[in-house]
Amino acid sequence: MNEQKLDAIIYPSANAYTVVSTANMRFSPNTGLPAVTVPMGQALTSGGTAGGVNLEFLGRDFSEGPLLGFAYGFEQATHARTTPALYGPLG
């Protein structure tokens, strides 16, 4: 990250079409670096069912503040978070 002058690495953190835990592409648990995951949309299968797709922001040690800012900015720009079909809004 230093060499490339990166503040964070951003990548999809799960495969919406599988429940096998090894399909998750998560670097945070393996590196110990801080990360925050936010929803980025729904993936549709050929049968029409949707699976959630997430985006993970991985940062440098002790960079939780900027990571939360990146995640908040992404959520505000995309409005990708949706209410699950089986549950109504909290209120």
PDB file of N, CA and C in Angstrom:
ATOM      1  N   MET A   1       0.829  -1.192   0.000  1.00  0.00           N
ATOM      2  CA  MET A   1       0.000   0.000   0.000  1.00  0.00           C
ATOM      3  C   MET A   1       0.870   1.251   0.000  1.00  0.00           C
ATOM      4  N   ASN A   2       1.978   1.202   0.721  1.00  0.00           N
ATOM      5  CA  ASN A   2       2.881   2.354   0.723  1.00  0.00           C
ATOM      6  C   ASN A   2       3.469   2.593  -0.657  1.00  0.00           C
ATOM      7  N   GLU A   3       3.927   1.528  -1.278  1.00  0.00           N
ATOM      8  CA  GLU A   3       4.569   1.651  -2.584  1.00  0.00           C
ATOM      9  C   GLU A   3       3.629   2.227  -3.637  1.00  0.00           C
ATOM     10  N   GLN A   4       2.359   1.840  -3.584  1.00  0.00           N
ATOM     11  CA  GLN A   4       1.376   2.312  -4.556  1.00  0.00           C
ATOM     12  C   GLN A   4       0.637   3.560  -4.085  1.00  0.00           C
ATOM     13  N   LYS A   5       0.967   4.037  -2.874  1.00  0.00           N
ATOM     14  CA  LYS A   5       0.339   5.231  -2.290  1.00  0.00           C
ATOM     15  C   LYS A   5      -1.187   5.068  -2.201  1.00  0.00           C
ATOM     16  N   LEU A   6      -1.610   3.923  -1.664  1.00  0.00           N
ATOM     17  CA  LEU A   6      -3.029   3.619  -1.524  1.00  0.00           C
ATOM     18  C   LEU A   6      -3.493   3.886  -0.100  1.00  0.00           C
ATOM     19  N   ASP A   7      -4.689   4.431   0.032  1.00  0.00           N
ATOM     20  CA  ASP A   7      -5.313   4.589   1.347  1.00  0.00           C
ATOM     21  C   ASP A   7      -6.108   3.347   1.722  1.00  0.00           C
ATOM     22  N   ALA A   8      -6.607   2.620   0.732  1.00  0.00           N
ATOM     23  CA  ALA A   8      -7.409   1.418   0.971  1.00  0.00           C
ATOM     24  C   ALA A   8      -7.393   0.550  -0.271  1.00  0.00           C
ATOM     25  N   ILE A   9      -7.700  -0.716  -0.059  1.00  0.00           N
ATOM     26  CA  ILE A   9      -7.918  -1.661  -1.146  1.00  0.00           C
ATOM     27  C   ILE A   9      -9.397  -2.008  -1.095  1.00  0.00           C
ATOM     28  N   ILE A  10     -10.047  -1.956  -2.231  1.00  0.00           N
ATOM     29  CA  ILE A  10     -11.493  -2.183  -2.284  1.00  0.00           C
ATOM     30  C   ILE A  10     -11.750  -3.371  -3.209  1.00  0.00           C
ATOM     31  N   TYR A  11     -12.578  -4.310  -2.731  1.00  0.00           N
ATOM     32  CA  TYR A  11     -12.850  -5.508  -3.517  1.00  0.00           C
ATOM     33  C   TYR A  11     -14.185  -6.123  -3.088  1.00  0.00           C
ATOM     34  N   PRO A  12     -14.823  -6.918  -3.960  1.00  0.00           N
ATOM     35  CA  PRO A  12     -16.045  -7.618  -3.556  1.00  0.00           C
ATOM     36  C   PRO A  12     -15.670  -8.660  -2.517  1.00  0.00           C
ATOM     37  N   SER A  13     -16.477  -8.765  -1.448  1.00  0.00           N
ATOM     38  CA  SER A  13     -16.082  -9.634  -0.336  1.00  0.00           C
ATOM     39  C   SER A  13     -16.820 -10.954  -0.279  1.00  0.00           C
ATOM     40  N   ALA A  14     -17.696 -11.244  -1.206  1.00  0.00           N
ATOM     41  CA  ALA A  14     -18.399 -12.525  -1.180  1.00  0.00           C
ATOM     42  C   ALA A  14     -18.912 -12.854  -2.568  1.00  0.00           C
ATOM     43  N   ASN A  15     -19.119 -14.121  -2.784  1.00  0.00           N
ATOM     44  CA  ASN A  15     -19.728 -14.595  -4.018  1.00  0.00           C
ATOM     45  C   ASN A  15     -21.202 -14.828  -3.725  1.00  0.00           C
ATOM     46  N   ALA A  16     -22.077 -14.110  -4.381  1.00  0.00           N
ATOM     47  CA  ALA A  16     -23.518 -14.188  -4.096  1.00  0.00           C
ATOM     48  C   ALA A  16     -24.133 -15.528  -4.458  1.00  0.00           C
ATOM     49  N   TYR A  17     -23.436 -16.352  -5.213  1.00  0.00           N
ATOM     50  CA  TYR A  17     -24.029 -17.592  -5.701  1.00  0.00           C
ATOM     51  C   TYR A  17     -23.570 -18.827  -4.949  1.00  0.00           C
ATOM     52  N   THR A  18     -22.934 -18.666  -3.823  1.00  0.00           N
ATOM     53  CA  THR A  18     -22.484 -19.823  -3.069  1.00  0.00           C
ATOM     54  C   THR A  18     -22.564 -19.558  -1.577  1.00  0.00           C
ATOM     55  N   VAL A  19     -22.691 -20.617  -0.815  1.00  0.00           N
ATOM     56  CA  VAL A  19     -22.682 -20.496   0.642  1.00  0.00           C
ATOM     57  C   VAL A  19     -21.406 -21.093   1.218  1.00  0.00           C
ATOM     58  N   VAL A  20     -20.514 -21.545   0.365  1.00  0.00           N
ATOM     59  CA  VAL A  20     -19.267 -22.138   0.813  1.00  0.00           C
ATOM     60  C   VAL A  20     -18.358 -21.032   1.311  1.00  0.00           C
ATOM     61  N   SER A  21     -17.915 -21.141   2.552  1.00  0.00           N
ATOM     62  CA  SER A  21     -17.131 -20.058   3.156  1.00  0.00           C
ATOM     63  C   SER A  21     -15.810 -19.821   2.442  1.00  0.00           C
ATOM     64  N   THR A  22     -15.257 -20.827   1.784  1.00  0.00           N
ATOM     65  CA  THR A  22     -13.982 -20.637   1.090  1.00  0.00           C
ATOM     66  C   THR A  22     -14.143 -19.771  -0.145  1.00  0.00           C
ATOM     67  N   ALA A  23     -15.392 -19.509  -0.581  1.00  0.00           N
ATOM     68  CA  ALA A  23     -15.608 -18.661  -1.755  1.00  0.00           C
ATOM     69  C   ALA A  23     -15.486 -17.185  -1.395  1.00  0.00           C
ATOM     70  N   ASN A  24     -15.540 -16.861  -0.104  1.00  0.00           N
ATOM     71  CA  ASN A  24     -15.391 -15.466   0.294  1.00  0.00           C
ATOM     72  C   ASN A  24     -13.977 -15.000   0.015  1.00  0.00           C
ATOM     73  N   MET A  25     -13.867 -13.813  -0.534  1.00  0.00           N
ATOM     74  CA  MET A  25     -12.566 -13.254  -0.875  1.00  0.00           C
ATOM     75  C   MET A  25     -12.234 -12.167   0.129  1.00  0.00           C
ATOM     76  N   ARG A  26     -11.966 -12.539   1.368  1.00  0.00           N
ATOM     77  CA  ARG A  26     -11.759 -11.566   2.432  1.00  0.00           C
ATOM     78  C   ARG A  26     -10.310 -11.600   2.888  1.00  0.00           C
ATOM     79  N   PHE A  27      -9.664 -10.465   2.827  1.00  0.00           N
ATOM     80  CA  PHE A  27      -8.266 -10.370   3.230  1.00  0.00           C
ATOM     81  C   PHE A  27      -8.106  -9.974   4.692  1.00  0.00           C
ATOM     82  N   SER A  28      -9.065  -9.269   5.252  1.00  0.00           N
ATOM     83  CA  SER A  28      -8.931  -8.752   6.603  1.00  0.00           C
ATOM     84  C   SER A  28      -8.655  -9.833   7.648  1.00  0.00           C
ATOM     85  N   PRO A  29      -9.417 -10.922   7.703  1.00  0.00           N
ATOM     86  CA  PRO A  29      -9.137 -11.927   8.726  1.00  0.00           C
ATOM     87  C   PRO A  29      -7.752 -12.556   8.590  1.00  0.00           C
ATOM     88  N   ASN A  30      -7.254 -12.618   7.377  1.00  0.00           N
ATOM     89  CA  ASN A  30      -5.951 -13.248   7.150  1.00  0.00           C
ATOM     90  C   ASN A  30      -4.777 -12.306   7.373  1.00  0.00           C
ATOM     91  N   THR A  31      -5.021 -11.010   7.320  1.00  0.00           N
ATOM     92  CA  THR A  31      -3.931 -10.041   7.472  1.00  0.00           C
ATOM     93  C   THR A  31      -3.962  -9.310   8.800  1.00  0.00           C
ATOM     94  N   GLY A  32      -5.127  -9.273   9.448  1.00  0.00           N
ATOM     95  CA  GLY A  32      -5.266  -8.518  10.691  1.00  0.00           C
ATOM     96  C   GLY A  32      -5.462  -7.030  10.463  1.00  0.00           C
ATOM     97  N   LEU A  33      -5.589  -6.615   9.210  1.00  0.00           N
ATOM     98  CA  LEU A  33      -5.805  -5.205   8.897  1.00  0.00           C
ATOM     99  C   LEU A  33      -7.279  -4.855   9.071  1.00  0.00           C
ATOM    100  N   PRO A  34      -7.583  -3.608   9.398  1.00  0.00           N
ATOM    101  CA  PRO A  34      -8.980  -3.215   9.576  1.00  0.00           C
ATOM    102  C   PRO A  34      -9.724  -3.179   8.242  1.00  0.00           C
ATOM    103  N   ALA A  35     -11.024  -3.482   8.320  1.00  0.00           N
ATOM    104  CA  ALA A  35     -11.859  -3.474   7.119  1.00  0.00           C
ATOM    105  C   ALA A  35     -13.293  -3.157   7.509  1.00  0.00           C
ATOM    106  N   VAL A  36     -14.036  -2.641   6.549  1.00  0.00           N
ATOM    107  CA  VAL A  36     -15.468  -2.430   6.717  1.00  0.00           C
ATOM    108  C   VAL A  36     -16.135  -2.905   5.431  1.00  0.00           C
ATOM    109  N   THR A  37     -17.261  -3.586   5.594  1.00  0.00           N
ATOM    110  CA  THR A  37     -17.989  -4.145   4.452  1.00  0.00           C
ATOM    111  C   THR A  37     -19.339  -3.475   4.328  1.00  0.00           C
ATOM    112  N   VAL A  38     -19.708  -3.100   3.102  1.00  0.00           N
ATOM    113  CA  VAL A  38     -21.000  -2.457   2.850  1.00  0.00           C
ATOM    114  C   VAL A  38     -21.683  -3.168   1.681  1.00  0.00           C
ATOM    115  N   PRO A  39     -23.021  -3.150   1.658  1.00  0.00           N
ATOM    116  CA  PRO A  39     -23.716  -3.751   0.521  1.00  0.00           C
ATOM    117  C   PRO A  39     -23.508  -2.915  -0.739  1.00  0.00           C
ATOM    118  N   MET A  40     -23.344  -3.608  -1.881  1.00  0.00           N
ATOM    119  CA  MET A  40     -23.197  -2.864  -3.133  1.00  0.00           C
ATOM    120  C   MET A  40     -24.242  -3.261  -4.163  1.00  0.00           C
ATOM    121  N   GLY A  41     -25.183  -4.133  -3.792  1.00  0.00           N
ATOM    122  CA  GLY A  41     -26.256  -4.466  -4.719  1.00  0.00           C
ATOM    123  C   GLY A  41     -26.689  -5.898  -4.612  1.00  0.00           C
ATOM    124  N   GLN A  42     -27.493  -6.299  -5.576  1.00  0.00           N
ATOM    125  CA  GLN A  42     -28.034  -7.647  -5.642  1.00  0.00           C
ATOM    126  C   GLN A  42     -27.611  -8.278  -6.961  1.00  0.00           C
ATOM    127  N   ALA A  43     -27.275  -9.543  -6.917  1.00  0.00           N
ATOM    128  CA  ALA A  43     -26.956 -10.301  -8.124  1.00  0.00           C
ATOM    129  C   ALA A  43     -28.114 -11.241  -8.399  1.00  0.00           C
ATOM    130  N   LEU A  44     -28.599 -11.244  -9.609  1.00  0.00           N
ATOM    131  CA  LEU A  44     -29.716 -12.106  -9.977  1.00  0.00           C
ATOM    132  C   LEU A  44     -29.218 -13.390 -10.623  1.00  0.00           C
ATOM    133  N   THR A  45     -29.850 -14.502 -10.256  1.00  0.00           N
ATOM    134  CA  THR A  45     -29.537 -15.778 -10.898  1.00  0.00           C
ATOM    135  C   THR A  45     -30.474 -15.971 -12.077  1.00  0.00           C
ATOM    136  N   SER A  46     -30.252 -16.987 -12.854  1.00  0.00           N
ATOM    137  CA  SER A  46     -31.133 -17.255 -13.986  1.00  0.00           C
ATOM    138  C   SER A  46     -32.543 -17.593 -13.524  1.00  0.00           C
ATOM    139  N   GLY A  47     -32.687 -18.061 -12.274  1.00  0.00           N
ATOM    140  CA  GLY A  47     -34.003 -18.351 -11.719  1.00  0.00           C
ATOM    141  C   GLY A  47     -34.706 -17.130 -11.166  1.00  0.00           C
ATOM    142  N   GLY A  48     -34.033 -15.994 -11.180  1.00  0.00           N
ATOM    143  CA  GLY A  48     -34.636 -14.752 -10.720  1.00  0.00           C
ATOM    144  C   GLY A  48     -34.423 -14.442  -9.256  1.00  0.00           C
ATOM    145  N   THR A  49     -33.760 -15.326  -8.506  1.00  0.00           N
ATOM    146  CA  THR A  49     -33.501 -15.045  -7.104  1.00  0.00           C
ATOM    147  C   THR A  49     -32.285 -14.128  -6.981  1.00  0.00           C
ATOM    148  N   ALA A  50     -32.295 -13.320  -5.942  1.00  0.00           N
ATOM    149  CA  ALA A  50     -31.208 -12.363  -5.751  1.00  0.00           C
ATOM    150  C   ALA A  50     -30.328 -12.782  -4.589  1.00  0.00           C
ATOM    151  N   GLY A  51     -29.064 -12.499  -4.730  1.00  0.00           N
ATOM    152  CA  GLY A  51     -28.110 -12.708  -3.649  1.00  0.00           C
ATOM    153  C   GLY A  51     -27.392 -11.401  -3.402  1.00  0.00           C
ATOM    154  N   GLY A  52     -27.165 -11.072  -2.147  1.00  0.00           N
ATOM    155  CA  GLY A  52     -26.481  -9.830  -1.821  1.00  0.00           C
ATOM    156  C   GLY A  52     -25.017  -9.873  -2.210  1.00  0.00           C
ATOM    157  N   VAL A  53     -24.524  -8.765  -2.704  1.00  0.00           N
ATOM    158  CA  VAL A  53     -23.118  -8.630  -3.057  1.00  0.00           C
ATOM    159  C   VAL A  53     -22.560  -7.479  -2.236  1.00  0.00           C
ATOM    160  N   ASN A  54     -21.422  -7.709  -1.597  1.00  0.00           N
ATOM    161  CA  ASN A  54     -20.829  -6.712  -0.703  1.00  0.00           C
ATOM    162  C   ASN A  54     -19.503  -6.196  -1.245  1.00  0.00           C
ATOM    163  N   LEU A  55     -19.127  -5.030  -0.751  1.00  0.00           N
ATOM    164  CA  LEU A  55     -17.861  -4.415  -1.101  1.00  0.00           C
ATOM    165  C   LEU A  55     -17.091  -4.206   0.192  1.00  0.00           C
ATOM    166  N   GLU A  56     -15.831  -4.624   0.207  1.00  0.00           N
ATOM    167  CA  GLU A  56     -15.027  -4.468   1.416  1.00  0.00           C
ATOM    168  C   GLU A  56     -13.922  -3.447   1.182  1.00  0.00           C
ATOM    169  N   PHE A  57     -13.754  -2.564   2.159  1.00  0.00           N
ATOM    170  CA  PHE A  57     -12.691  -1.565   2.164  1.00  0.00           C
ATOM    171  C   PHE A  57     -11.650  -2.036   3.176  1.00  0.00           C
ATOM    172  N   LEU A  58     -10.453  -2.335   2.731  1.00  0.00           N
ATOM    173  CA  LEU A  58      -9.366  -2.812   3.586  1.00  0.00           C
ATOM    174  C   LEU A  58      -8.345  -1.693   3.715  1.00  0.00           C
ATOM    175  N   GLY A  59      -7.970  -1.377   4.954  1.00  0.00           N
ATOM    176  CA  GLY A  59      -7.060  -0.255   5.163  1.00  0.00           C
ATOM    177  C   GLY A  59      -5.783  -0.628   5.871  1.00  0.00           C
ATOM    178  N   ARG A  60      -5.025   0.390   6.176  1.00  0.00           N
ATOM    179  CA  ARG A  60      -3.772   0.240   6.906  1.00  0.00           C
ATOM    180  C   ARG A  60      -4.063   0.081   8.396  1.00  0.00           C
ATOM    181  N   ASP A  61      -3.066  -0.341   9.143  1.00  0.00           N
ATOM    182  CA  ASP A  61      -3.221  -0.405  10.599  1.00  0.00           C
ATOM    183  C   ASP A  61      -3.698   0.937  11.135  1.00  0.00           C
ATOM    184  N   PHE A  62      -4.660   0.883  12.043  1.00  0.00           N
ATOM    185  CA  PHE A  62      -5.187   2.062  12.738  1.00  0.00           C
ATOM    186  C   PHE A  62      -5.837   3.080  11.796  1.00  0.00           C
ATOM    187  N   SER A  63      -6.411   2.607  10.683  1.00  0.00           N
ATOM    188  CA  SER A  63      -7.054   3.518   9.729  1.00  0.00           C
ATOM    189  C   SER A  63      -8.581   3.371   9.748  1.00  0.00           C
ATOM    190  N   GLU A  64      -9.131   3.018  10.903  1.00  0.00           N
ATOM    191  CA  GLU A  64     -10.573   2.795  10.986  1.00  0.00           C
ATOM    192  C   GLU A  64     -11.380   4.044  10.625  1.00  0.00           C
ATOM    193  N   GLY A  65     -10.931   5.215  11.046  1.00  0.00           N
ATOM    194  CA  GLY A  65     -11.646   6.462  10.748  1.00  0.00           C
ATOM    195  C   GLY A  65     -11.806   6.705   9.258  1.00  0.00           C
ATOM    196  N   PRO A  66     -10.711   6.730   8.509  1.00  0.00           N
ATOM    197  CA  PRO A  66     -10.845   6.911   7.061  1.00  0.00           C
ATOM    198  C   PRO A  66     -11.658   5.809   6.390  1.00  0.00           C
ATOM    199  N   LEU A  67     -11.517   4.556   6.850  1.00  0.00           N
ATOM    200  CA  LEU A  67     -12.294   3.462   6.255  1.00  0.00           C
ATOM    201  C   LEU A  67     -13.784   3.688   6.431  1.00  0.00           C
ATOM    202  N   LEU A  68     -14.188   4.117   7.622  1.00  0.00           N
ATOM    203  CA  LEU A  68     -15.608   4.404   7.845  1.00  0.00           C
ATOM    204  C   LEU A  68     -16.070   5.547   6.954  1.00  0.00           C
ATOM    205  N   GLY A  69     -15.208   6.519   6.728  1.00  0.00           N
ATOM    206  CA  GLY A  69     -15.536   7.622   5.830  1.00  0.00           C
ATOM    207  C   GLY A  69     -15.721   7.156   4.390  1.00  0.00           C
ATOM    208  N   PHE A  70     -14.836   6.266   3.929  1.00  0.00           N
ATOM    209  CA  PHE A  70     -14.973   5.719   2.574  1.00  0.00           C
ATOM    210  C   PHE A  70     -16.285   4.949   2.439  1.00  0.00           C
ATOM    211  N   ALA A  71     -16.585   4.106   3.444  1.00  0.00           N
ATOM    212  CA  ALA A  71     -17.806   3.301   3.397  1.00  0.00           C
ATOM    213  C   ALA A  71     -19.043   4.195   3.428  1.00  0.00           C
ATOM    214  N   TYR A  72     -19.031   5.211   4.268  1.00  0.00           N
ATOM    215  CA  TYR A  72     -20.167   6.132   4.351  1.00  0.00           C
ATOM    216  C   TYR A  72     -20.351   6.860   3.015  1.00  0.00           C
ATOM    217  N   GLY A  73     -19.267   7.328   2.430  1.00  0.00           N
ATOM    218  CA  GLY A  73     -19.337   8.016   1.137  1.00  0.00           C
ATOM    219  C   GLY A  73     -19.890   7.116   0.045  1.00  0.00           C
ATOM    220  N   PHE A  74     -19.463   5.858   0.042  1.00  0.00           N
ATOM    221  CA  PHE A  74     -19.977   4.905  -0.950  1.00  0.00           C
ATOM    222  C   PHE A  74     -21.471   4.703  -0.761  1.00  0.00           C
ATOM    223  N   GLU A  75     -21.903   4.486   0.483  1.00  0.00           N
ATOM    224  CA  GLU A  75     -23.334   4.281   0.744  1.00  0.00           C
ATOM    225  C   GLU A  75     -24.154   5.503   0.349  1.00  0.00           C
ATOM    226  N   GLN A  76     -23.668   6.700   0.630  1.00  0.00           N
ATOM    227  CA  GLN A  76     -24.400   7.916   0.287  1.00  0.00           C
ATOM    228  C   GLN A  76     -24.472   8.116  -1.227  1.00  0.00           C
ATOM    229  N   ALA A  77     -23.420   7.719  -1.943  1.00  0.00           N
ATOM    230  CA  ALA A  77     -23.387   7.909  -3.392  1.00  0.00           C
ATOM    231  C   ALA A  77     -24.222   6.869  -4.141  1.00  0.00           C
ATOM    232  N   THR A  78     -24.310   5.649  -3.604  1.00  0.00           N
ATOM    233  CA  THR A  78     -24.959   4.573  -4.358  1.00  0.00           C
ATOM    234  C   THR A  78     -26.353   4.202  -3.857  1.00  0.00           C
ATOM    235  N   HIS A  79     -26.628   4.408  -2.588  1.00  0.00           N
ATOM    236  CA  HIS A  79     -27.898   3.979  -1.974  1.00  0.00           C
ATOM    237  C   HIS A  79     -28.154   2.501  -2.269  1.00  0.00           C
ATOM    238  N   ALA A  80     -27.107   1.677  -2.202  1.00  0.00           N
ATOM    239  CA  ALA A  80     -27.206   0.254  -2.523  1.00  0.00           C
ATOM    240  C   ALA A  80     -27.866  -0.562  -1.415  1.00  0.00           C
ATOM    241  N   ARG A  81     -27.910  -0.036  -0.212  1.00  0.00           N
ATOM    242  CA  ARG A  81     -28.538  -0.779   0.889  1.00  0.00           C
ATOM    243  C   ARG A  81     -30.045  -0.822   0.660  1.00  0.00           C
ATOM    244  N   THR A  82     -30.622  -2.016   0.701  1.00  0.00           N
ATOM    245  CA  THR A  82     -32.059  -2.176   0.496  1.00  0.00           C
ATOM    246  C   THR A  82     -32.666  -2.929   1.674  1.00  0.00           C
ATOM    247  N   THR A  83     -33.956  -2.759   1.859  1.00  0.00           N
ATOM    248  CA  THR A  83     -34.673  -3.485   2.895  1.00  0.00           C
ATOM    249  C   THR A  83     -34.904  -4.916   2.411  1.00  0.00           C
ATOM    250  N   PRO A  84     -34.577  -5.923   3.224  1.00  0.00           N
ATOM    251  CA  PRO A  84     -34.826  -7.299   2.804  1.00  0.00           C
ATOM    252  C   PRO A  84     -36.311  -7.528   2.521  1.00  0.00           C
ATOM    253  N   ALA A  85     -36.621  -8.327   1.527  1.00  0.00           N
ATOM    254  CA  ALA A  85     -38.001  -8.555   1.099  1.00  0.00           C
ATOM    255  C   ALA A  85     -38.852  -9.183   2.199  1.00  0.00           C
ATOM    256  N   LEU A  86     -38.264 -10.002   3.044  1.00  0.00           N
ATOM    257  CA  LEU A  86     -39.031 -10.698   4.085  1.00  0.00           C
ATOM    258  C   LEU A  86     -39.260  -9.859   5.329  1.00  0.00           C
ATOM    259  N   TYR A  87     -38.631  -8.713   5.456  1.00  0.00           N
ATOM    260  CA  TYR A  87     -38.727  -7.901   6.658  1.00  0.00           C
ATOM    261  C   TYR A  87     -39.078  -6.469   6.285  1.00  0.00           C
ATOM    262  N   GLY A  88     -39.953  -5.869   7.041  1.00  0.00           N
ATOM    263  CA  GLY A  88     -40.306  -4.478   6.807  1.00  0.00           C
ATOM    264  C   GLY A  88     -39.279  -3.551   7.428  1.00  0.00           C
ATOM    265  N   PRO A  89     -39.416  -2.261   7.204  1.00  0.00           N
ATOM    266  CA  PRO A  89     -38.485  -1.304   7.797  1.00  0.00           C
ATOM    267  C   PRO A  89     -38.632  -1.277   9.311  1.00  0.00           C
ATOM    268  N   LEU A  90     -37.538  -0.994   9.979  1.00  0.00           N
ATOM    269  CA  LEU A  90     -37.584  -0.860  11.441  1.00  0.00           C
ATOM    270  C   LEU A  90     -38.233   0.446  11.797  1.00  0.00           C
ATOM    271  N   GLY A  91     -38.978   0.452  12.822  1.00  0.00           N
ATOM    272  CA  GLY A  91     -39.593   1.735  13.129  1.00  0.00           C
ATOM    273  C   GLY A  91     -40.169   1.771  14.447  1.00  0.00           C
TER     274      GLY A  91
END
